[in-house]
């Protein structure tokens, strides 16, 4: 990248000392999406309920706590639904458009605004709001009475869930570019696990000190774009093993109890993973759906029939792997070999984030803000 272009990008997209890359989950250059064969209808699925939250422009994964599903729209609509019954429990409207969301422990809901504010709701009522020094694109994590935050300048901070008081913050330097996409932030036992650049980092949630640091992918190349390896939201966790994707670089698994890398394999994708005890499932940027063996990262199967359909992150459920596409279709694939099983429509707009499972109901959220709950026949 030449100096003039770098300076222009910094003027347009500067966020403190970090530069945000406006990345998308589609393919570039754009290829014609694969034609779909007739629906084989090998599994029975029905639409159980629908809801509406409002258009979504930011990188959003619906938050699940048991059967409770919480979603948010770009204009600040926040809704909690009992996904088992499809019943709306509460709805609120916060001031200011949202940049990321949503985090929840089933009681407290946390969100990020475009004005760099972190705010918390309880029972649909705002209880505090704090100004931040940096942008964020990752939903806050609410756990143990605290709200944890990953910001775009590779900072991690903790706030008291009741008052919003900042408890601690940690920041580490990184490459010039960071991804304008939801990153990795989760709790594994008593460890806070965050994606910082291409590294999975285990932290003490009490003070932010580093317990371990594992490289899923290492920056390479001669310019800032080629060196971008941020970890993306959507991980496959089984017990203490966390498997994650580094943007356009690799997929890998780490033991969060030991702080050890188990394996890392080159992969070219931009959306998160899911999996089970045997396999890790992911989508490459060209629309190939892939399965890797969880034990050693060796390829188990590759499905080619959804090429260039701009797929969402996958969800492993029952005997299927489910992915959404940019036309709002949901595709059920065999967990054993990736062959198509069935598909279902939504509202014709892109599936945001990926499917989730809440209260025995498979739920997806669309770019238009449609919320769809599916159940087996």
Protein backbone atom coordinates (compact mmCIF):
# COMPACT_ATOMS: atom_id res chain seq x y z
CA UNK A 1 0.00 0.00 0.00
CA UNK A 2 1.58 3.36 -1.04
CA UNK A 3 1.96 6.26 1.38
CA UNK A 4 -0.70 8.45 -0.23
CA UNK A 5 -3.33 5.70 0.01
CA UNK A 6 -2.41 4.92 3.60
CA UNK A 7 -2.77 8.58 4.60
CA UNK A 8 -6.14 8.82 2.84
CA UNK A 9 -7.40 5.74 4.62
CA UNK A 10 -6.23 7.08 7.96
CA UNK A 11 -8.11 10.36 7.41
CA UNK A 12 -11.30 8.53 6.46
CA UNK A 13 -11.27 5.74 8.97
CA UNK A 14 -8.93 6.70 11.80
CA UNK A 15 -9.94 5.54 15.28
CA UNK A 16 -7.29 6.79 17.66
CA UNK A 17 -4.07 4.99 16.71
CA UNK A 18 -5.86 2.17 14.89
CA UNK A 19 -7.15 2.03 11.33
CA UNK A 20 -10.35 0.20 10.59
CA UNK A 21 -10.55 -1.84 7.44
CA UNK A 22 -14.04 -1.79 5.98
CA UNK A 23 -14.24 -5.52 5.38
CA UNK A 24 -17.27 -7.48 4.29
CA UNK A 25 -18.10 -11.16 4.36
CA UNK A 26 -18.81 -11.40 0.64
CA UNK A 27 -16.49 -12.49 -2.13
CA UNK A 28 -14.25 -10.26 -4.23
CA UNK A 29 -14.21 -10.23 -7.15
CA UNK A 30 -17.91 -11.02 -7.43
CA UNK A 31 -18.77 -14.35 -9.11
CA UNK A 32 -22.14 -15.67 -10.20
CA UNK A 33 -23.79 -17.58 -7.32
CA UNK A 34 -24.16 -21.32 -7.86
CA UNK A 35 -27.52 -22.44 -9.23
CA UNK A 36 -29.54 -24.43 -6.70
CA UNK A 37 -30.77 -27.93 -7.45
CA UNK A 38 -34.37 -28.82 -6.51
CA UNK A 39 -34.92 -28.98 -2.76
CA UNK A 40 -34.34 -32.63 -1.73
CA UNK A 41 -36.61 -32.22 1.36
CA UNK A 42 -34.77 -34.96 3.26
CA UNK A 43 -35.49 -33.39 6.67
CA UNK A 44 -38.71 -31.84 7.88
CA UNK A 45 -38.52 -28.22 9.09
CA UNK A 46 -41.31 -25.74 9.74
CA UNK A 47 -41.44 -22.03 10.42
CA UNK A 48 -42.70 -21.77 14.00
CA UNK A 49 -42.82 -17.99 14.52
CA UNK A 50 -41.57 -14.64 13.23
CA UNK A 51 -40.78 -11.26 14.79
CA UNK A 52 -39.39 -7.92 13.64
CA UNK A 53 -36.62 -5.81 15.18
CA UNK A 54 -35.64 -3.30 12.47
CA UNK A 55 -32.91 -3.10 9.85
CA UNK A 56 -29.42 -4.24 10.87
CA UNK A 57 -26.28 -2.71 9.37
CA UNK A 58 -23.69 -3.63 11.98
CA UNK A 59 -22.03 -7.05 12.58
CA UNK A 60 -24.61 -8.70 14.87
CA UNK A 61 -24.92 -12.14 16.43
CA UNK A 62 -28.15 -12.79 18.35
CA UNK A 63 -27.44 -13.47 22.04
CA UNK A 64 -28.84 -16.66 23.55
CA UNK A 65 -29.34 -17.44 27.23
CA UNK A 66 -31.26 -20.69 27.55
CA UNK A 67 -34.49 -20.07 25.68
CA UNK A 68 -34.08 -16.27 25.81
CA UNK A 69 -33.01 -14.58 22.57
CA UNK A 70 -31.95 -10.92 22.52
CA UNK A 71 -31.45 -8.98 19.27
CA UNK A 72 -30.91 -5.33 18.40
CA UNK A 73 -31.29 -3.16 15.29
CA UNK A 74 -29.12 -0.37 13.96
CA UNK A 75 -31.55 2.33 15.07
CA UNK A 76 -31.50 1.15 18.70
CA UNK A 77 -34.45 -1.22 18.93
CA UNK A 78 -33.73 -4.01 21.45
CA UNK A 79 -35.98 -7.06 21.81
CA UNK A 80 -35.89 -10.11 24.09
CA UNK A 81 -37.93 -13.11 22.92
CA UNK A 82 -38.77 -16.45 24.50
CA UNK A 83 -37.58 -18.48 21.54
CA UNK A 84 -39.29 -21.69 22.65
CA UNK A 85 -42.70 -20.05 22.39
CA UNK A 86 -41.92 -17.17 20.02
CA UNK A 87 -43.21 -14.71 22.64
CA UNK A 88 -41.81 -11.21 22.93
CA UNK A 89 -40.91 -10.49 26.57
CA UNK A 90 -39.85 -6.86 26.31
CA UNK A 91 -38.85 -4.24 23.77
CA UNK A 92 -36.91 -1.02 24.26
CA UNK A 93 -35.55 1.85 22.17
CA UNK A 94 -32.21 3.32 23.18
CA UNK A 95 -30.97 6.73 22.09
CA UNK A 96 -28.33 6.73 19.39
CA UNK A 97 -27.69 4.26 16.57
CA UNK A 98 -25.87 1.06 17.48
CA UNK A 99 -22.45 -0.09 16.30
CA UNK A 100 -22.51 -3.58 17.80
CA UNK A 101 -24.74 -5.79 19.85
CA UNK A 102 -25.87 -7.47 21.75
CA UNK A 103 -24.43 -8.91 25.00
CA UNK A 104 -26.55 -10.40 27.74
CA UNK A 105 -26.49 -12.84 30.66
CA UNK A 106 -30.29 -13.18 30.54
CA UNK A 107 -30.75 -10.31 33.00
CA UNK A 108 -28.42 -7.48 31.98
CA UNK A 109 -28.18 -6.40 28.32
CA UNK A 110 -25.16 -4.43 27.06
CA UNK A 111 -24.78 -2.55 23.76
CA UNK A 112 -22.35 -0.27 21.91
CA UNK A 113 -23.42 2.90 20.10
CA UNK A 114 -21.83 4.57 17.10
CA UNK A 115 -21.07 7.48 19.41
CA UNK A 116 -18.60 5.23 21.27
CA UNK A 117 -20.84 4.65 24.28
CA UNK A 118 -21.32 1.46 26.25
CA UNK A 119 -24.76 1.16 27.80
CA UNK A 120 -26.66 -1.37 29.88
CA UNK A 121 -30.35 -2.25 30.12
CA UNK A 122 -32.25 -4.23 32.71
CA UNK A 123 -35.84 -5.32 32.06
CA UNK A 124 -35.84 -3.00 29.06
CA UNK A 125 -34.77 0.07 31.08
CA UNK A 126 -31.41 1.81 30.63
CA UNK A 127 -29.48 1.78 33.91
CA UNK A 128 -26.14 3.31 32.86
CA UNK A 129 -24.15 4.64 29.92
CA UNK A 130 -20.39 5.24 29.71
CA UNK A 131 -18.36 7.15 27.11
CA UNK A 132 -15.48 5.22 25.51
CA UNK A 133 -12.20 6.37 23.98
CA UNK A 134 -12.37 4.02 20.99
CA UNK A 135 -14.84 2.43 18.62
CA UNK A 136 -16.00 -1.15 19.00
CA UNK A 137 -17.60 -3.64 16.64
CA UNK A 138 -17.79 -6.64 18.98
CA UNK A 139 -20.81 -7.28 21.19
CA UNK A 140 -20.00 -6.83 24.89
CA UNK A 141 -19.71 -9.94 27.04
CA UNK A 142 -21.85 -9.96 30.18
CA UNK A 143 -20.63 -12.46 32.78
CA UNK A 144 -20.12 -12.64 36.53
CA UNK A 145 -21.82 -9.32 37.20
CA UNK A 146 -19.43 -7.50 34.86
CA UNK A 147 -19.45 -6.25 31.29
CA UNK A 148 -16.33 -6.97 29.24
CA UNK A 149 -15.53 -5.02 26.10
CA UNK A 150 -13.20 -5.53 23.13
CA UNK A 151 -12.50 -2.30 21.24
CA UNK A 152 -11.14 -1.78 17.74
CA UNK A 153 -7.79 -0.50 19.04
CA UNK A 154 -7.16 -3.99 20.51
CA UNK A 155 -8.12 -2.88 23.99
CA UNK A 156 -10.01 -5.02 26.50
CA UNK A 157 -11.84 -3.49 29.46
CA UNK A 158 -14.15 -4.55 32.28
CA UNK A 159 -17.02 -2.56 33.78
CA UNK A 160 -19.19 -3.12 36.84
CA UNK A 161 -22.53 -4.45 35.60
CA UNK A 162 -24.56 -2.54 38.17
CA UNK A 163 -22.98 0.90 37.95
CA UNK A 164 -20.93 1.02 34.74
CA UNK A 165 -17.78 1.92 36.68
CA UNK A 166 -14.64 0.90 34.80
CA UNK A 167 -12.78 -1.80 36.72
CA UNK A 168 -9.72 -2.20 34.51
CA UNK A 169 -8.44 -1.88 30.96
CA UNK A 170 -5.59 -3.44 29.02
CA UNK A 171 -4.30 -2.63 25.57
CA UNK A 172 -1.60 -4.04 23.36
CA UNK A 173 -0.06 -2.67 20.17
CA UNK A 174 -0.78 -4.39 16.89
CA UNK A 175 -0.74 -4.00 13.15
CA UNK A 176 -1.96 -0.76 11.53
CA UNK A 177 -5.21 -2.34 10.24
CA UNK A 178 -7.98 -3.87 12.29
CA UNK A 179 -11.19 -5.44 11.06
CA UNK A 180 -14.54 -3.67 11.13
CA UNK A 181 -16.20 -6.91 12.06
CA UNK A 182 -17.21 -8.59 15.31
CA UNK A 183 -14.26 -10.25 17.06
CA UNK A 184 -13.76 -12.97 19.66
CA UNK A 185 -14.69 -12.41 23.30
CA UNK A 186 -15.94 -15.21 25.56
CA UNK A 187 -15.55 -16.79 28.98
CA UNK A 188 -14.07 -20.27 29.39
CA UNK A 189 -14.24 -21.32 33.03
CA UNK A 190 -12.58 -18.56 35.06
CA UNK A 191 -10.68 -17.19 32.04
CA UNK A 192 -11.65 -14.31 29.76
CA UNK A 193 -10.66 -15.25 26.20
CA UNK A 194 -10.18 -12.48 23.62
CA UNK A 195 -9.03 -12.32 20.03
CA UNK A 196 -6.24 -9.74 19.70
CA UNK A 197 -4.94 -9.60 16.16
CA UNK A 198 -4.29 -13.18 15.09
CA UNK A 199 -3.82 -14.33 18.67
CA UNK A 200 -6.19 -15.95 21.14
CA UNK A 201 -5.38 -14.52 24.57
CA UNK A 202 -6.48 -15.85 27.96
CA UNK A 203 -6.88 -13.12 30.58
CA UNK A 204 -7.63 -12.90 34.29
CA UNK A 205 -11.14 -11.36 34.40
CA UNK A 206 -10.37 -9.70 37.76
CA UNK A 207 -7.57 -7.45 36.48
CA UNK A 208 -6.95 -8.17 32.78
CA UNK A 209 -3.53 -9.72 33.25
CA UNK A 210 -2.48 -12.22 30.57
CA UNK A 211 -2.54 -15.90 31.55
CA UNK A 212 -1.64 -17.30 28.13
CA UNK A 213 -1.23 -16.21 24.54
CA UNK A 214 -1.63 -18.48 21.49
CA UNK A 215 -1.06 -17.54 17.84
CA UNK A 216 -3.81 -18.85 15.53
CA UNK A 217 -2.25 -16.95 12.60
CA UNK A 218 0.84 -14.78 12.22
CA UNK A 219 0.85 -11.55 10.18
CA UNK A 220 2.70 -11.96 6.90
CA UNK A 221 3.14 -10.00 3.71
CA UNK A 222 4.69 -6.71 2.68
CA UNK A 223 1.79 -4.31 3.28
CA UNK A 224 -0.83 -3.66 5.97
CA UNK A 225 -3.69 -5.35 4.09
CA UNK A 226 -1.75 -8.58 3.60
CA UNK A 227 -0.81 -8.57 7.29
CA UNK A 228 -4.43 -8.36 8.54
CA UNK A 229 -5.21 -11.54 10.54
CA UNK A 230 -7.84 -10.51 13.14
CA UNK A 231 -9.92 -13.29 14.68
CA UNK A 232 -13.63 -13.10 13.80
CA UNK A 233 -16.73 -13.73 15.90
CA UNK A 234 -18.29 -17.16 15.93
CA UNK A 235 -16.23 -19.81 17.69
CA UNK A 236 -16.67 -23.53 18.18
CA UNK A 237 -16.21 -24.39 21.84
CA UNK A 238 -16.38 -27.90 23.25
CA UNK A 239 -15.30 -28.02 26.89
CA UNK A 240 -12.01 -26.13 27.20
CA UNK A 241 -11.18 -26.36 23.48
CA UNK A 242 -11.91 -23.19 21.50
CA UNK A 243 -11.68 -23.22 17.70
CA UNK A 244 -11.66 -19.92 15.82
CA UNK A 245 -10.96 -18.32 12.46
CA UNK A 246 -8.34 -15.71 11.59
CA UNK A 247 -9.71 -13.50 8.81
CA UNK A 248 -8.62 -14.82 5.39
CA UNK A 249 -5.69 -16.69 6.97
CA UNK A 250 -6.38 -19.77 9.10
CA UNK A 251 -8.63 -21.80 11.34
CA UNK A 252 -7.25 -23.27 14.53
CA UNK A 253 -8.05 -24.74 17.93
CA UNK A 254 -6.55 -23.98 21.34
CA UNK A 255 -6.87 -25.58 24.78
CA UNK A 256 -8.03 -22.72 26.99
CA UNK A 257 -7.26 -24.62 30.20
CA UNK A 258 -3.62 -25.20 29.27
CA UNK A 259 -3.10 -22.17 27.05
CA UNK A 260 -1.79 -24.39 24.24
CA UNK A 261 -2.30 -24.38 20.49
CA UNK A 262 -3.66 -27.73 19.31
CA UNK A 263 -3.53 -27.05 15.57
CA UNK A 264 -3.79 -24.33 12.94
CA UNK A 265 -4.54 -24.79 9.24
CA UNK A 266 -4.48 -22.32 6.38
CA UNK A 267 -8.00 -21.27 5.36
CA UNK A 268 -9.50 -18.38 3.41
CA UNK A 269 -12.71 -17.24 5.07
CA UNK A 270 -14.20 -14.25 6.86
CA UNK A 271 -17.05 -15.63 9.01
CA UNK A 272 -17.02 -17.68 12.19
CA UNK A 273 -17.12 -21.38 12.95
CA UNK A 274 -19.29 -23.92 14.73
CA UNK A 275 -18.83 -27.58 15.51
CA UNK A 276 -19.30 -30.64 17.69
CA UNK A 277 -17.09 -33.15 19.50
CA UNK A 278 -15.78 -34.61 16.22
CA UNK A 279 -15.73 -31.76 13.72
CA UNK A 280 -15.32 -28.03 13.19
CA UNK A 281 -17.48 -26.49 10.44
CA UNK A 282 -16.75 -23.31 8.50
CA UNK A 283 -17.42 -21.41 5.29
CA UNK A 284 -14.69 -20.24 2.95
CA UNK A 285 -14.93 -16.92 1.10
CA UNK A 286 -15.81 -18.70 -2.15
CA UNK A 287 -18.82 -20.41 -0.53
CA UNK A 288 -17.33 -23.84 0.04
CA UNK A 289 -18.64 -25.33 3.28
CA UNK A 290 -15.90 -27.28 5.04
CA UNK A 291 -15.49 -29.71 7.91
CA UNK A 292 -12.20 -30.21 9.72
CA UNK A 293 -11.49 -33.00 12.20
CA UNK A 294 -11.50 -31.45 15.63
CA UNK A 295 -8.67 -33.68 16.88
CA UNK A 296 -6.03 -32.66 14.33
CA UNK A 297 -7.47 -30.18 11.82
CA UNK A 298 -7.40 -32.53 8.85
CA UNK A 299 -10.12 -31.90 6.25
CA UNK A 300 -13.11 -34.24 6.65
CA UNK A 301 -15.27 -33.05 3.75
CA UNK A 302 -15.94 -30.10 1.42
CA UNK A 303 -19.36 -29.11 0.00
CA UNK A 304 -19.22 -27.19 -3.30
CA UNK A 305 -22.89 -26.68 -4.16
CA UNK A 306 -23.28 -23.25 -2.48
CA UNK A 307 -20.31 -21.52 -4.14
CA UNK A 308 -20.41 -17.71 -4.22
CA UNK A 309 -23.73 -17.41 -2.37
CA UNK A 310 -22.20 -15.16 0.36
CA UNK A 311 -22.85 -17.60 3.19
CA UNK A 312 -23.28 -16.88 6.87
CA UNK A 313 -21.45 -18.60 9.69
CA UNK A 314 -22.70 -22.20 10.15
CA UNK A 315 -24.59 -23.90 12.97
CA UNK A 316 -24.31 -27.60 13.76
CA UNK A 317 -27.69 -28.88 14.97
CA UNK A 318 -29.07 -32.41 15.01
CA UNK A 319 -27.68 -34.28 12.01
CA UNK A 320 -27.30 -31.07 10.03
CA UNK A 321 -25.06 -28.08 9.44
CA UNK A 322 -27.17 -24.99 8.70
CA UNK A 323 -25.97 -21.91 6.80
CA UNK A 324 -27.79 -18.85 5.47
CA UNK A 325 -27.11 -16.95 2.27
CA UNK A 326 -27.44 -13.40 0.96
CA UNK A 327 -30.90 -14.09 -0.51
CA UNK A 328 -32.26 -15.12 2.88
CA UNK A 329 -32.32 -18.85 2.19
CA UNK A 330 -31.38 -21.30 4.93
CA UNK A 331 -29.60 -24.45 3.79
CA UNK A 332 -29.52 -27.68 5.81
CA UNK A 333 -26.49 -29.87 4.93
CA UNK A 334 -25.59 -33.34 6.17
CA UNK A 335 -23.18 -33.19 9.10
CA UNK A 336 -21.54 -36.37 7.80
CA UNK A 337 -20.62 -35.32 4.25
CA UNK A 338 -22.12 -31.89 3.46
CA UNK A 339 -24.76 -33.10 1.00
CA UNK A 340 -27.93 -30.96 0.83
CA UNK A 341 -30.88 -32.01 2.98
CA UNK A 342 -33.40 -29.18 2.63
CA UNK A 343 -33.75 -25.39 2.55
CA UNK A 344 -36.18 -22.75 3.81
CA UNK A 345 -36.80 -19.11 2.81
CA UNK A 346 -36.99 -16.06 5.08
CA UNK A 347 -37.63 -12.49 3.84
CA UNK A 348 -35.25 -12.34 0.88
CA UNK A 349 -32.50 -10.37 2.65
CA UNK A 350 -29.09 -11.56 3.85
CA UNK A 351 -28.83 -13.70 6.99
CA UNK A 352 -26.90 -11.65 9.59
CA UNK A 353 -24.19 -13.35 11.67
CA UNK A 354 -25.45 -16.90 11.49
CA UNK A 355 -28.14 -19.23 12.83
CA UNK A 356 -28.35 -19.81 16.59
CA UNK A 357 -30.15 -22.40 18.71
CA UNK A 358 -32.39 -21.12 21.52
CA UNK A 359 -34.83 -23.23 23.50
CA UNK A 360 -34.79 -25.98 20.89
CA UNK A 361 -35.60 -23.45 18.16
CA UNK A 362 -33.26 -22.58 15.30
CA UNK A 363 -33.33 -18.78 14.94
CA UNK A 364 -31.96 -16.49 12.26
CA UNK A 365 -31.99 -12.72 11.90
CA UNK A 366 -32.00 -11.00 8.50
CA UNK A 367 -30.57 -7.73 7.26
CA UNK A 368 -34.12 -6.32 7.06
CA UNK A 369 -34.59 -7.12 10.76
CA UNK A 370 -36.76 -10.20 10.41
CA UNK A 371 -36.39 -12.76 13.20
CA UNK A 372 -37.41 -16.31 12.18
CA UNK A 373 -37.79 -19.33 14.45
CA UNK A 374 -37.69 -22.81 12.86
CA UNK A 375 -38.49 -26.17 14.44
CA UNK A 376 -38.32 -29.74 13.16
CA UNK A 377 -41.61 -31.23 11.99
